[in-house]
């Protein structure tokens, strides 16, 4: 269609040129008015053809631009869909990260709380004690109460090594001596109970330890040693609950 239009335009231009060159040579065939009219008609046709050609060219350009815009729009839609997918993934990752961070802080808070000292009553005194310390002592004493004296002895030794300054240290040392005693390790029991007297003389366990020391000496066939322990108990802890038991045992040793 474009080729036809351009051919028509060329033919019209050729006709106009021919007419222009022919007019002076044959002035007798046309008068001036007719010549002018013919030229004007040809010019009008040329202008019309030119306008039609420009219009068609413009229409074609518009269609091409529309197609390009549609293609670009489709590409943009695909890019937007891709970006939305990436945003959803990132949003999900962020939510998971925030949840993990929240769980971490909750766990950390619980751990810190478990590490914070707590008030406990030991031998009538309120003291601060770390949860791990309390747990270690309770576990060792649970073994003793269950009759696992060998396991209790190992656990008590470990407790004393880890917490030498514990408010439970005197009780742990005394229980250690008793764990040896029930296993018939009288020398081990004697040594453990003497540590109570030496290291914790102000503990309520001290007079009880002296009673246990006296019992160890009796088992070792050392009555003088037993009497010395009982006398020491009556002298240093006369008002203790163990004092009356010491008096009774002294009478039985005579």
Protein backbone atom coordinates (compact mmCIF):
# COMPACT_ATOMS: atom_id res chain seq x y z
CA UNK A 1 0.00 0.00 0.00
CA UNK A 2 2.88 2.30 0.79
CA UNK A 3 4.55 1.61 -2.57
CA UNK A 4 1.36 2.48 -4.48
CA UNK A 5 0.97 5.73 -2.60
CA UNK A 6 4.51 6.79 -3.25
CA UNK A 7 4.14 5.87 -6.98
CA UNK A 8 1.03 7.97 -7.22
CA UNK A 9 2.81 10.85 -5.60
CA UNK A 10 5.75 10.51 -8.01
CA UNK A 11 3.43 10.34 -11.01
CA UNK A 12 1.64 13.44 -9.85
CA UNK A 13 4.87 15.30 -9.42
CA UNK A 14 6.01 14.19 -12.91
CA UNK A 15 2.75 15.32 -14.41
CA UNK A 16 3.04 18.69 -12.76
CA UNK A 17 6.57 19.12 -14.03
CA UNK A 18 5.56 18.11 -17.55
CA UNK A 19 2.67 20.47 -17.51
CA UNK A 20 4.85 23.28 -16.35
CA UNK A 21 7.33 22.74 -19.19
CA UNK A 22 4.63 22.13 -21.78
CA UNK A 23 2.57 25.21 -21.01
CA UNK A 24 4.92 27.85 -22.52
CA UNK A 25 5.38 25.85 -25.76
CA UNK A 26 1.67 25.35 -26.37
CA UNK A 27 0.20 28.50 -25.04
CA UNK A 28 -2.25 28.45 -27.89
CA UNK A 29 -4.00 25.29 -26.68
CA UNK A 30 -4.82 26.64 -23.20
CA UNK A 31 -5.66 30.05 -22.03
CA UNK A 32 -4.11 31.37 -18.87
CA UNK A 33 -7.09 30.58 -16.63
CA UNK A 34 -7.30 26.98 -17.69
CA UNK A 35 -3.56 26.54 -17.24
CA UNK A 36 -3.68 27.99 -13.80
CA UNK A 37 -6.64 25.81 -12.88
CA UNK A 38 -4.90 22.67 -14.13
CA UNK A 39 -1.77 23.51 -12.19
CA UNK A 40 -3.77 24.23 -9.05
CA UNK A 41 -5.64 20.95 -9.43
CA UNK A 42 -2.40 19.05 -9.75
CA UNK A 43 -0.93 20.83 -6.76
CA UNK A 44 -4.07 20.03 -4.77
CA UNK A 45 -3.80 16.37 -5.74
CA UNK A 46 -0.11 16.36 -4.78
CA UNK A 47 -0.90 17.95 -1.40
CA UNK A 48 -3.68 15.47 -0.83
CA UNK A 49 -1.43 12.52 -1.68
CA UNK A 50 1.29 13.93 0.56
CA UNK A 51 -1.14 14.30 3.50
CA UNK A 52 -2.47 10.80 2.96
CA UNK A 53 1.07 9.44 2.84
CA UNK A 54 2.06 11.32 6.01
CA UNK A 55 -1.08 10.12 7.76
CA UNK A 56 -0.44 6.50 6.83
CA UNK A 57 3.19 6.76 7.85
CA UNK A 58 2.13 8.31 11.16
CA UNK A 59 -0.46 5.56 11.70
CA UNK A 60 2.19 2.93 11.10
CA UNK A 61 4.55 4.63 13.53
CA UNK A 62 1.79 4.85 16.13
CA UNK A 63 1.03 1.15 15.77
CA UNK A 64 4.70 0.29 16.08
CA UNK A 65 4.98 2.48 19.18
CA UNK A 66 1.87 0.85 20.66
CA UNK A 67 3.32 -2.62 20.13
CA UNK A 68 6.59 -1.51 21.74
CA UNK A 69 4.69 -0.08 24.68
CA UNK A 70 2.70 -3.30 25.08
CA UNK A 71 5.90 -5.35 25.04
CA UNK A 72 7.51 -3.04 27.57
CA UNK A 73 4.40 -3.21 29.75
CA UNK A 74 4.49 -7.02 29.70
CA UNK A 75 8.18 -6.99 30.62
CA UNK A 76 7.44 -4.60 33.47
CA UNK A 77 4.65 -6.87 34.71
CA UNK A 78 7.04 -9.82 34.74
CA UNK A 79 9.69 -7.79 36.55
CA UNK A 80 7.14 -6.62 39.13
CA UNK A 81 5.99 -10.21 39.70
CA UNK A 82 9.62 -11.27 40.15
CA UNK A 83 10.25 -8.46 42.61
CA UNK A 84 7.10 -9.33 44.55
CA UNK A 85 8.32 -12.90 44.86
CA UNK A 86 11.67 -11.68 46.14
CA UNK A 87 9.92 -9.38 48.60
CA UNK A 88 7.82 -12.28 49.91
CA UNK A 89 10.96 -14.39 50.40
CA UNK A 90 12.75 -11.55 52.17
CA UNK A 91 9.69 -10.83 54.32
CA UNK A 92 9.51 -14.49 55.33
CA UNK A 93 13.25 -14.57 56.05
CA UNK A 94 12.94 -11.42 58.14
CA UNK A 95 10.03 -12.87 60.12
CA UNK A 96 11.99 -16.06 60.76
CA UNK A 97 15.06 -14.08 61.80
CA UNK A 98 12.99 -11.97 64.17
CA UNK A 99 11.44 -15.10 65.70
CA UNK A 100 14.86 -16.70 66.11
CA UNK A 101 16.13 -13.53 67.73
CA UNK A 102 13.15 -13.47 70.06
CA UNK A 103 13.65 -17.12 70.98
CA UNK A 104 17.35 -16.44 71.55
CA UNK A 105 16.66 -13.59 73.96
CA UNK A 106 14.01 -15.61 75.80
CA UNK A 107 16.46 -18.51 76.14
CA UNK A 108 19.23 -16.13 77.20
CA UNK A 109 16.96 -14.52 79.77
CA UNK A 110 16.05 -17.93 81.17
CA UNK A 111 19.70 -18.93 81.31
CA UNK A 112 20.61 -15.73 83.10
CA UNK A 113 17.78 -16.24 85.55
CA UNK A 114 19.04 -19.74 86.21
CA UNK A 115 22.48 -18.32 86.91
CA UNK A 116 21.22 -15.68 89.32
CA UNK A 117 21.79 -16.50 93.00
CA UNK A 118 18.71 -17.32 95.02
CA UNK A 119 18.01 -16.97 98.68
CA UNK A 120 18.08 -20.29 100.53
CA UNK A 121 18.06 -21.15 104.19
CA UNK A 122 21.05 -23.16 105.42
CA UNK A 123 21.30 -24.04 109.08
CA UNK A 124 18.96 -21.19 109.97
CA UNK A 125 20.75 -18.58 107.87
CA UNK A 126 19.57 -17.06 104.60
CA UNK A 127 22.32 -17.13 101.98
CA UNK A 128 22.64 -16.42 98.26
CA UNK A 129 23.24 -19.57 96.25
CA UNK A 130 23.67 -20.20 92.55
CA UNK A 131 21.16 -22.69 91.09
CA UNK A 132 23.97 -24.95 89.82
CA UNK A 133 25.45 -25.11 93.29
CA UNK A 134 22.12 -26.06 94.81
CA UNK A 135 21.54 -28.65 92.12
CA UNK A 136 24.96 -30.25 92.61
CA UNK A 137 24.42 -30.57 96.36
CA UNK A 138 20.90 -31.91 96.03
CA UNK A 139 22.03 -34.50 93.46
CA UNK A 140 24.81 -35.74 95.73
CA UNK A 141 22.49 -36.00 98.72
CA UNK A 142 19.89 -37.80 96.61
CA UNK A 143 22.47 -40.50 95.84
CA UNK A 144 23.20 -40.84 99.55
CA UNK A 145 19.52 -41.16 100.45
CA UNK A 146 19.07 -43.77 97.70
CA UNK A 147 21.83 -45.90 99.26
CA UNK A 148 24.39 -45.29 96.54
CA UNK A 149 27.11 -44.41 99.04
CA UNK A 150 30.00 -44.84 96.64
CA UNK A 151 28.33 -42.59 94.06
CA UNK A 152 27.39 -40.14 96.80
CA UNK A 153 30.99 -40.00 98.01
CA UNK A 154 32.25 -39.18 94.52
CA UNK A 155 29.55 -36.54 94.02
CA UNK A 156 30.23 -34.94 97.42
CA UNK A 157 33.96 -34.81 96.75
CA UNK A 158 33.25 -33.14 93.41
CA UNK A 159 30.90 -30.65 95.06
CA UNK A 160 33.51 -29.67 97.66
CA UNK A 161 36.10 -29.24 94.93
CA UNK A 162 33.83 -26.99 92.86
CA UNK A 163 32.25 -25.04 95.73
CA UNK A 164 34.72 -24.92 98.63
CA UNK A 165 33.12 -21.79 100.05
CA UNK A 166 29.53 -23.02 99.75
CA UNK A 167 27.10 -22.65 102.61
CA UNK A 168 26.53 -26.39 102.12
CA UNK A 169 30.23 -27.21 102.42
CA UNK A 170 30.06 -28.26 106.09
CA UNK A 171 27.02 -30.46 105.46
CA UNK A 172 28.65 -31.94 102.36
CA UNK A 173 31.84 -32.71 104.28
CA UNK A 174 29.84 -34.34 107.08
CA UNK A 175 27.81 -36.39 104.61
CA UNK A 176 31.05 -37.44 102.91
CA UNK A 177 32.33 -38.82 106.22
CA UNK A 178 29.08 -40.73 106.71
CA UNK A 179 29.30 -42.20 103.18
CA UNK A 180 32.73 -43.63 104.07
CA UNK A 181 31.49 -44.89 107.44
CA UNK A 182 28.60 -46.92 106.02
CA UNK A 183 31.06 -48.50 103.58
CA UNK A 184 33.19 -49.52 106.61
CA UNK A 185 35.97 -47.16 105.53
CA UNK A 186 36.49 -45.90 109.08
CA UNK A 187 39.82 -44.21 108.41
CA UNK A 188 38.35 -42.33 105.47
CA UNK A 189 35.34 -41.37 107.57
CA UNK A 190 37.59 -40.23 110.43
CA UNK A 191 39.61 -38.01 108.12
CA UNK A 192 36.48 -36.50 106.53
CA UNK A 193 34.87 -35.69 109.89
CA UNK A 194 38.06 -34.18 111.27
CA UNK A 195 37.95 -31.81 108.28
CA UNK A 196 34.53 -30.64 109.49
CA UNK A 197 35.95 -29.75 112.92
CA UNK A 198 38.96 -28.04 111.41
CA UNK A 199 37.32 -26.08 108.61
CA UNK A 200 33.81 -25.46 109.95
CA UNK A 201 34.03 -25.27 113.76
CA UNK A 202 31.02 -22.94 113.99
CA UNK A 203 28.75 -25.16 111.93
CA UNK A 204 25.93 -27.11 113.59
CA UNK A 205 27.52 -30.13 111.90
CA UNK A 206 30.68 -29.82 114.04
CA UNK A 207 29.27 -31.52 117.19
CA UNK A 208 27.68 -34.20 115.03
CA UNK A 209 31.03 -34.75 113.35
CA UNK A 210 32.62 -35.31 116.79
CA UNK A 211 30.05 -37.98 117.53
CA UNK A 212 30.93 -39.66 114.23
CA UNK A 213 34.65 -39.37 115.04
CA UNK A 214 34.05 -41.13 118.34
CA UNK A 215 32.20 -43.90 116.50
CA UNK A 216 35.10 -44.28 114.04
CA UNK A 217 37.55 -44.67 116.93
CA UNK A 218 35.32 -47.31 118.50
CA UNK A 219 35.27 -49.28 115.23
CA UNK A 220 39.05 -48.94 115.03
CA UNK A 221 39.33 -50.31 118.62
CA UNK A 222 40.61 -47.00 119.94
CA UNK A 223 38.51 -46.21 123.02
CA UNK A 224 40.83 -43.43 124.27
CA UNK A 225 40.41 -41.69 120.95
CA UNK A 226 36.64 -42.05 121.21
CA UNK A 227 36.65 -40.58 124.73
CA UNK A 228 38.76 -37.62 123.62
CA UNK A 229 36.30 -36.84 120.83
CA UNK A 230 33.33 -37.02 123.19
CA UNK A 231 35.05 -34.88 125.83
CA UNK A 232 35.87 -32.33 123.16
CA UNK A 233 32.24 -32.26 122.12
CA UNK A 234 31.02 -31.62 125.70
CA UNK A 235 33.64 -28.92 126.20
CA UNK A 236 33.18 -26.98 122.95
CA UNK A 237 29.48 -27.59 122.29
CA UNK A 238 27.85 -28.19 125.67
CA UNK A 239 24.49 -26.79 124.60
CA UNK A 240 24.25 -28.69 121.33
CA UNK A 241 21.70 -31.47 120.82
CA UNK A 242 24.64 -33.87 120.43
CA UNK A 243 25.93 -33.14 123.97
CA UNK A 244 23.42 -35.44 125.70
CA UNK A 245 24.28 -38.29 123.29
CA UNK A 246 27.97 -37.70 124.07
CA UNK A 247 27.34 -38.09 127.81
CA UNK A 248 25.51 -41.38 127.28
CA UNK A 249 28.29 -42.75 125.09
CA UNK A 250 30.96 -41.75 127.59
CA UNK A 251 29.19 -43.75 130.29
CA UNK A 252 29.07 -46.77 128.01
CA UNK A 253 32.82 -46.55 127.31
CA UNK A 254 33.81 -46.83 131.00
